[in-house]
Amino acid sequence: MDRPQQDSKLLTYTPADAETQQRLERLHALALEEEAATEEAVPAAV
């Protein structure tokens, strides 16, 4: 029996108000800062 194929889906969330947009932008900035700090803390493999 063939299995149904699953398609890739890209979902986009659009905030309904400016306050939510600002909170999401700040959260994204914090995530980028944390990612950069993690990359600096991990020694590069030689």
N, C-alpha and C. Protein backbone atom coordinates (compact mmCIF):
# COMPACT_ATOMS: atom_id res chain seq x y z
N MET A 1 0.85 -1.19 0.00
CA MET A 1 0.00 0.00 0.00
C MET A 1 0.89 1.25 0.00
N ASP A 2 0.59 2.20 -0.86
CA ASP A 2 1.37 3.43 -0.93
C ASP A 2 0.99 4.37 0.21
N ARG A 3 2.02 5.01 0.73
CA ARG A 3 1.78 6.02 1.78
C ARG A 3 1.49 7.36 1.12
N PRO A 4 0.64 8.15 1.74
CA PRO A 4 0.41 9.49 1.19
C PRO A 4 1.68 10.33 1.34
N GLN A 5 1.95 11.15 0.35
CA GLN A 5 3.14 12.00 0.41
C GLN A 5 2.87 13.21 1.29
N GLN A 6 3.91 13.59 2.03
CA GLN A 6 3.80 14.78 2.86
C GLN A 6 4.56 15.90 2.17
N ASP A 7 3.90 17.01 2.00
CA ASP A 7 4.52 18.16 1.38
C ASP A 7 5.13 19.05 2.45
N SER A 8 6.21 19.72 2.10
CA SER A 8 6.81 20.70 3.00
C SER A 8 5.90 21.92 3.04
N LYS A 9 5.78 22.47 4.22
CA LYS A 9 4.96 23.67 4.37
C LYS A 9 5.76 24.73 5.12
N LEU A 10 5.70 25.94 4.66
CA LEU A 10 6.34 27.05 5.33
C LEU A 10 5.22 27.91 5.92
N LEU A 11 5.24 28.01 7.23
CA LEU A 11 4.22 28.81 7.91
C LEU A 11 4.84 30.12 8.35
N THR A 12 4.12 31.18 8.19
CA THR A 12 4.58 32.50 8.60
C THR A 12 3.56 33.09 9.56
N TYR A 13 4.07 33.59 10.68
CA TYR A 13 3.20 34.23 11.67
C TYR A 13 3.35 35.73 11.52
N THR A 14 2.26 36.42 11.37
CA THR A 14 2.27 37.87 11.29
C THR A 14 1.54 38.43 12.51
N PRO A 15 2.26 39.17 13.36
CA PRO A 15 1.63 39.73 14.55
C PRO A 15 0.49 40.68 14.20
N ALA A 16 -0.51 40.69 15.05
CA ALA A 16 -1.68 41.52 14.80
C ALA A 16 -1.51 42.96 15.25
N ASP A 17 -0.55 43.20 16.16
CA ASP A 17 -0.39 44.57 16.66
C ASP A 17 1.08 44.93 16.81
N ALA A 18 1.35 46.22 16.97
CA ALA A 18 2.72 46.72 17.03
C ALA A 18 3.46 46.22 18.27
N GLU A 19 2.77 46.11 19.39
CA GLU A 19 3.43 45.64 20.62
C GLU A 19 3.94 44.21 20.45
N THR A 20 3.13 43.36 19.87
CA THR A 20 3.55 41.97 19.64
C THR A 20 4.71 41.94 18.66
N GLN A 21 4.67 42.77 17.63
CA GLN A 21 5.77 42.84 16.66
C GLN A 21 7.06 43.24 17.36
N GLN A 22 7.01 44.23 18.24
CA GLN A 22 8.20 44.68 18.95
C GLN A 22 8.73 43.58 19.87
N ARG A 23 7.85 42.87 20.53
CA ARG A 23 8.28 41.77 21.41
C ARG A 23 8.96 40.67 20.60
N LEU A 24 8.41 40.34 19.44
CA LEU A 24 9.02 39.31 18.60
C LEU A 24 10.38 39.76 18.06
N GLU A 25 10.50 41.02 17.70
CA GLU A 25 11.78 41.53 17.22
C GLU A 25 12.82 41.48 18.32
N ARG A 26 12.44 41.82 19.55
CA ARG A 26 13.37 41.77 20.69
C ARG A 26 13.77 40.33 20.98
N LEU A 27 12.81 39.42 20.94
CA LEU A 27 13.09 38.01 21.17
C LEU A 27 14.07 37.49 20.11
N HIS A 28 13.87 37.88 18.87
CA HIS A 28 14.77 37.47 17.80
C HIS A 28 16.17 38.03 18.03
N ALA A 29 16.27 39.28 18.44
CA ALA A 29 17.57 39.90 18.71
C ALA A 29 18.28 39.16 19.84
N LEU A 30 17.55 38.81 20.90
CA LEU A 30 18.14 38.06 22.01
C LEU A 30 18.64 36.70 21.55
N ALA A 31 17.88 36.05 20.70
CA ALA A 31 18.28 34.73 20.19
C ALA A 31 19.56 34.86 19.37
N LEU A 32 19.67 35.90 18.56
CA LEU A 32 20.88 36.11 17.76
C LEU A 32 22.08 36.40 18.65
N GLU A 33 21.88 37.19 19.71
CA GLU A 33 22.96 37.49 20.65
C GLU A 33 23.43 36.22 21.34
N GLU A 34 22.49 35.40 21.76
CA GLU A 34 22.83 34.15 22.44
C GLU A 34 23.58 33.21 21.51
N GLU A 35 23.14 33.14 20.26
CA GLU A 35 23.81 32.28 19.28
C GLU A 35 25.24 32.75 19.05
N ALA A 36 25.44 34.06 18.94
CA ALA A 36 26.78 34.61 18.72
C ALA A 36 27.67 34.32 19.93
N ALA A 37 27.14 34.45 21.14
CA ALA A 37 27.91 34.19 22.35
C ALA A 37 28.28 32.72 22.43
N THR A 38 27.38 31.84 22.03
CA THR A 38 27.66 30.40 22.06
C THR A 38 28.75 30.06 21.06
N GLU A 39 28.72 30.65 19.89
CA GLU A 39 29.74 30.39 18.87
C GLU A 39 31.10 30.87 19.33
N GLU A 40 31.16 31.99 20.07
CA GLU A 40 32.42 32.51 20.57
C GLU A 40 32.98 31.62 21.67
N ALA A 41 32.11 31.01 22.48
CA ALA A 41 32.53 30.21 23.61
C ALA A 41 33.03 28.82 23.20
N VAL A 42 32.60 28.33 22.06
CA VAL A 42 32.98 27.00 21.61
C VAL A 42 34.28 27.10 20.81
N PRO A 43 35.34 26.41 21.27
CA PRO A 43 36.60 26.47 20.51
C PRO A 43 36.46 25.79 19.15
N ALA A 44 37.11 26.37 18.18
CA ALA A 44 37.04 25.82 16.82
C ALA A 44 37.88 24.55 16.73
N ALA A 45 37.39 23.57 16.00
CA ALA A 45 38.14 22.33 15.80
C ALA A 45 39.30 22.59 14.85
N VAL A 46 40.42 22.00 15.15
CA VAL A 46 41.61 22.21 14.32
C VAL A 46 41.74 21.10 13.31
